[in-house]
Amino acid sequence: MNSGIIEIDLHGCNKNEALSIIERALKDCNSSTYRIRLVHGYHGGVSLRNMIYDEFSYGRCDQVKRIQNGSNPGITELVLREY
C-alpha cells in the first residue's frame, strides 16, 4: 500500500547527488504521491536544505506546490498536492 509519501534519505550525498535523486523521485512519482519527505540532517551543516529551497521553491518546479519544514530541522518536505 502506498502511503502517498515518499521518504528519501540524503545523508552522505553531496548537492549534485541529492538534486539528481530528488529530480528522479519527482519524475517517477505517481498521482497517489502527495509529498516527498527529504531527510538531510542538520548537524553537518545546512547545505542540502539550502539547495532544496534554492532549487524547488518560488515556483521553480511546477510539481512542487510548496516546501515545508518536517518534524525536525533535518527534514524538509516537498508538497506536491494537498492531502
N, C-alpha and C. Protein backbone atom coordinates (compact mmCIF):
# COMPACT_ATOMS: atom_id res chain seq x y z
N MET A 1 0.85 -1.19 0.00
CA MET A 1 0.00 0.00 0.00
C MET A 1 0.89 1.24 0.00
N ASN A 2 0.58 2.18 -0.84
CA ASN A 2 1.34 3.42 -0.93
C ASN A 2 0.73 4.43 0.03
N SER A 3 1.54 5.01 0.89
CA SER A 3 1.04 5.96 1.87
C SER A 3 0.86 7.35 1.28
N GLY A 4 1.35 7.57 0.07
CA GLY A 4 1.27 8.89 -0.53
C GLY A 4 2.48 9.75 -0.22
N ILE A 5 3.37 9.24 0.61
CA ILE A 5 4.58 9.96 0.98
C ILE A 5 5.79 9.14 0.57
N ILE A 6 6.68 9.75 -0.17
CA ILE A 6 7.96 9.13 -0.49
C ILE A 6 8.98 9.73 0.45
N GLU A 7 9.73 8.87 1.15
CA GLU A 7 10.77 9.36 2.05
C GLU A 7 12.13 9.01 1.47
N ILE A 8 12.99 10.00 1.36
CA ILE A 8 14.31 9.82 0.78
C ILE A 8 15.37 10.27 1.79
N ASP A 9 16.30 9.37 2.07
CA ASP A 9 17.41 9.68 2.98
C ASP A 9 18.58 10.21 2.15
N LEU A 10 18.95 11.44 2.36
CA LEU A 10 20.01 12.10 1.60
C LEU A 10 21.33 12.18 2.38
N HIS A 11 21.42 11.53 3.52
CA HIS A 11 22.66 11.54 4.29
C HIS A 11 23.80 11.01 3.44
N GLY A 12 24.93 11.70 3.47
CA GLY A 12 26.10 11.27 2.73
C GLY A 12 26.14 11.73 1.28
N CYS A 13 25.09 12.38 0.81
CA CYS A 13 25.07 12.87 -0.57
C CYS A 13 25.66 14.28 -0.63
N ASN A 14 26.30 14.59 -1.75
CA ASN A 14 26.66 15.98 -1.98
C ASN A 14 25.46 16.65 -2.67
N LYS A 15 25.56 17.93 -2.94
CA LYS A 15 24.41 18.66 -3.50
C LYS A 15 23.98 18.11 -4.86
N ASN A 16 24.94 17.81 -5.72
CA ASN A 16 24.60 17.31 -7.06
C ASN A 16 23.94 15.94 -7.00
N GLU A 17 24.46 15.06 -6.14
CA GLU A 17 23.85 13.73 -5.99
C GLU A 17 22.43 13.84 -5.43
N ALA A 18 22.26 14.68 -4.43
CA ALA A 18 20.94 14.86 -3.82
C ALA A 18 19.95 15.43 -4.83
N LEU A 19 20.38 16.41 -5.60
CA LEU A 19 19.50 17.01 -6.60
C LEU A 19 19.07 15.96 -7.63
N SER A 20 19.99 15.13 -8.06
CA SER A 20 19.67 14.08 -9.02
C SER A 20 18.66 13.09 -8.45
N ILE A 21 18.84 12.70 -7.20
CA ILE A 21 17.92 11.77 -6.55
C ILE A 21 16.52 12.38 -6.42
N ILE A 22 16.45 13.65 -6.02
CA ILE A 22 15.16 14.32 -5.86
C ILE A 22 14.46 14.46 -7.22
N GLU A 23 15.19 14.88 -8.23
CA GLU A 23 14.59 15.04 -9.56
C GLU A 23 14.08 13.70 -10.09
N ARG A 24 14.82 12.61 -9.85
CA ARG A 24 14.37 11.29 -10.28
C ARG A 24 13.09 10.88 -9.55
N ALA A 25 13.01 11.18 -8.25
CA ALA A 25 11.81 10.86 -7.48
C ALA A 25 10.61 11.66 -7.99
N LEU A 26 10.81 12.93 -8.32
CA LEU A 26 9.73 13.74 -8.87
C LEU A 26 9.25 13.18 -10.21
N LYS A 27 10.18 12.72 -11.01
CA LYS A 27 9.84 12.16 -12.32
C LYS A 27 9.08 10.84 -12.18
N ASP A 28 9.47 10.03 -11.20
CA ASP A 28 8.92 8.69 -11.05
C ASP A 28 7.68 8.60 -10.18
N CYS A 29 7.33 9.66 -9.46
CA CYS A 29 6.17 9.56 -8.55
C CYS A 29 4.88 9.50 -9.35
N ASN A 30 3.87 8.89 -8.74
CA ASN A 30 2.58 8.76 -9.43
C ASN A 30 1.54 9.68 -8.79
N SER A 31 0.33 9.59 -9.25
CA SER A 31 -0.71 10.51 -8.80
C SER A 31 -1.10 10.32 -7.34
N SER A 32 -0.76 9.17 -6.75
CA SER A 32 -1.09 8.97 -5.34
C SER A 32 -0.07 9.62 -4.41
N THR A 33 1.05 10.06 -4.94
CA THR A 33 2.08 10.71 -4.13
C THR A 33 1.72 12.18 -3.94
N TYR A 34 1.63 12.59 -2.70
CA TYR A 34 1.31 13.99 -2.43
C TYR A 34 2.43 14.73 -1.69
N ARG A 35 3.47 13.98 -1.27
CA ARG A 35 4.53 14.61 -0.50
C ARG A 35 5.82 13.80 -0.65
N ILE A 36 6.94 14.50 -0.76
CA ILE A 36 8.24 13.85 -0.74
C ILE A 36 8.98 14.38 0.48
N ARG A 37 9.31 13.48 1.38
CA ARG A 37 9.99 13.83 2.63
C ARG A 37 11.49 13.60 2.42
N LEU A 38 12.25 14.66 2.56
CA LEU A 38 13.70 14.61 2.35
C LEU A 38 14.41 14.68 3.69
N VAL A 39 15.10 13.60 4.03
CA VAL A 39 15.83 13.53 5.30
C VAL A 39 17.28 13.85 4.99
N HIS A 40 17.72 15.05 5.37
CA HIS A 40 19.06 15.52 5.01
C HIS A 40 19.96 15.75 6.20
N GLY A 41 19.42 15.75 7.40
CA GLY A 41 20.21 16.02 8.59
C GLY A 41 20.52 17.50 8.74
N TYR A 42 21.09 17.86 9.87
CA TYR A 42 21.45 19.27 10.09
C TYR A 42 22.70 19.44 10.92
N HIS A 43 23.20 18.40 11.53
CA HIS A 43 24.40 18.54 12.37
C HIS A 43 25.64 18.85 11.54
N GLY A 44 25.67 18.39 10.29
CA GLY A 44 26.83 18.62 9.44
C GLY A 44 26.72 19.88 8.61
N GLY A 45 25.74 20.71 8.87
CA GLY A 45 25.54 21.92 8.10
C GLY A 45 24.19 21.88 7.39
N VAL A 46 23.89 22.94 6.70
CA VAL A 46 22.57 23.05 6.09
C VAL A 46 22.65 23.20 4.56
N SER A 47 23.74 22.77 3.97
CA SER A 47 23.91 22.97 2.53
C SER A 47 22.85 22.22 1.71
N LEU A 48 22.48 21.01 2.13
CA LEU A 48 21.44 20.29 1.38
C LEU A 48 20.08 20.96 1.54
N ARG A 49 19.78 21.39 2.75
CA ARG A 49 18.50 22.09 2.96
C ARG A 49 18.44 23.37 2.11
N ASN A 50 19.53 24.11 2.09
CA ASN A 50 19.56 25.34 1.30
C ASN A 50 19.42 25.04 -0.19
N MET A 51 20.05 23.97 -0.67
CA MET A 51 19.93 23.58 -2.07
C MET A 51 18.49 23.23 -2.41
N ILE A 52 17.82 22.52 -1.51
CA ILE A 52 16.42 22.14 -1.75
C ILE A 52 15.56 23.39 -1.90
N TYR A 53 15.73 24.35 -1.01
CA TYR A 53 14.96 25.60 -1.11
C TYR A 53 15.32 26.37 -2.38
N ASP A 54 16.60 26.43 -2.71
CA ASP A 54 17.02 27.15 -3.91
C ASP A 54 16.46 26.54 -5.18
N GLU A 55 16.41 25.22 -5.25
CA GLU A 55 16.00 24.54 -6.48
C GLU A 55 14.49 24.37 -6.63
N PHE A 56 13.76 24.27 -5.52
CA PHE A 56 12.36 23.87 -5.62
C PHE A 56 11.35 24.87 -5.07
N SER A 57 11.78 25.99 -4.53
CA SER A 57 10.83 26.98 -4.01
C SER A 57 10.56 28.06 -5.05
N TYR A 58 9.64 28.92 -4.74
CA TYR A 58 9.32 30.09 -5.55
C TYR A 58 8.87 29.72 -6.97
N GLY A 59 8.15 28.60 -7.11
CA GLY A 59 7.61 28.23 -8.40
C GLY A 59 8.62 27.72 -9.40
N ARG A 60 9.80 27.34 -8.95
CA ARG A 60 10.83 26.87 -9.88
C ARG A 60 10.54 25.48 -10.44
N CYS A 61 9.74 24.70 -9.74
CA CYS A 61 9.36 23.36 -10.19
C CYS A 61 7.85 23.28 -10.18
N ASP A 62 7.25 23.03 -11.32
CA ASP A 62 5.79 23.01 -11.42
C ASP A 62 5.14 21.97 -10.53
N GLN A 63 5.81 20.86 -10.28
CA GLN A 63 5.24 19.79 -9.45
C GLN A 63 5.16 20.16 -7.98
N VAL A 64 6.07 21.01 -7.52
CA VAL A 64 6.15 21.34 -6.10
C VAL A 64 5.29 22.56 -5.82
N LYS A 65 4.24 22.35 -5.04
CA LYS A 65 3.33 23.45 -4.69
C LYS A 65 3.92 24.34 -3.60
N ARG A 66 4.59 23.70 -2.64
CA ARG A 66 5.24 24.46 -1.58
C ARG A 66 6.24 23.57 -0.86
N ILE A 67 7.08 24.18 -0.07
CA ILE A 67 8.06 23.47 0.75
C ILE A 67 7.73 23.77 2.20
N GLN A 68 7.84 22.74 3.03
CA GLN A 68 7.62 22.99 4.45
C GLN A 68 8.64 22.21 5.27
N ASN A 69 8.88 22.70 6.48
CA ASN A 69 9.79 22.02 7.40
C ASN A 69 9.14 20.74 7.88
N GLY A 70 9.98 19.75 8.15
CA GLY A 70 9.49 18.48 8.66
C GLY A 70 9.36 18.49 10.16
N SER A 71 9.31 17.31 10.74
CA SER A 71 9.11 17.18 12.18
C SER A 71 10.35 17.56 12.99
N ASN A 72 11.49 17.72 12.32
CA ASN A 72 12.70 18.21 12.99
C ASN A 72 13.53 18.98 11.96
N PRO A 73 14.56 19.71 12.38
CA PRO A 73 15.32 20.56 11.45
C PRO A 73 16.06 19.80 10.36
N GLY A 74 16.18 18.49 10.48
CA GLY A 74 16.89 17.69 9.49
C GLY A 74 15.99 17.12 8.41
N ILE A 75 14.72 17.58 8.37
CA ILE A 75 13.77 17.10 7.37
C ILE A 75 13.12 18.28 6.67
N THR A 76 13.03 18.18 5.35
CA THR A 76 12.31 19.16 4.54
C THR A 76 11.33 18.38 3.68
N GLU A 77 10.12 18.90 3.53
CA GLU A 77 9.11 18.20 2.75
C GLU A 77 8.69 19.02 1.54
N LEU A 78 8.65 18.35 0.39
CA LEU A 78 8.12 18.94 -0.84
C LEU A 78 6.66 18.54 -0.93
N VAL A 79 5.77 19.50 -0.93
CA VAL A 79 4.34 19.22 -1.01
C VAL A 79 3.93 19.31 -2.47
N LEU A 80 3.49 18.18 -3.01
CA LEU A 80 3.11 18.12 -4.43
C LEU A 80 1.64 18.45 -4.61
N ARG A 81 0.83 18.09 -3.64
CA ARG A 81 -0.59 18.45 -3.64
C ARG A 81 -1.07 18.32 -2.21
N GLU A 82 -2.18 18.97 -1.91
CA GLU A 82 -2.73 18.90 -0.55
C GLU A 82 -3.40 17.56 -0.38
N TYR A 83 -3.31 17.01 0.82
CA TYR A 83 -3.88 15.70 1.11
C TYR A 83 -5.37 15.75 1.24
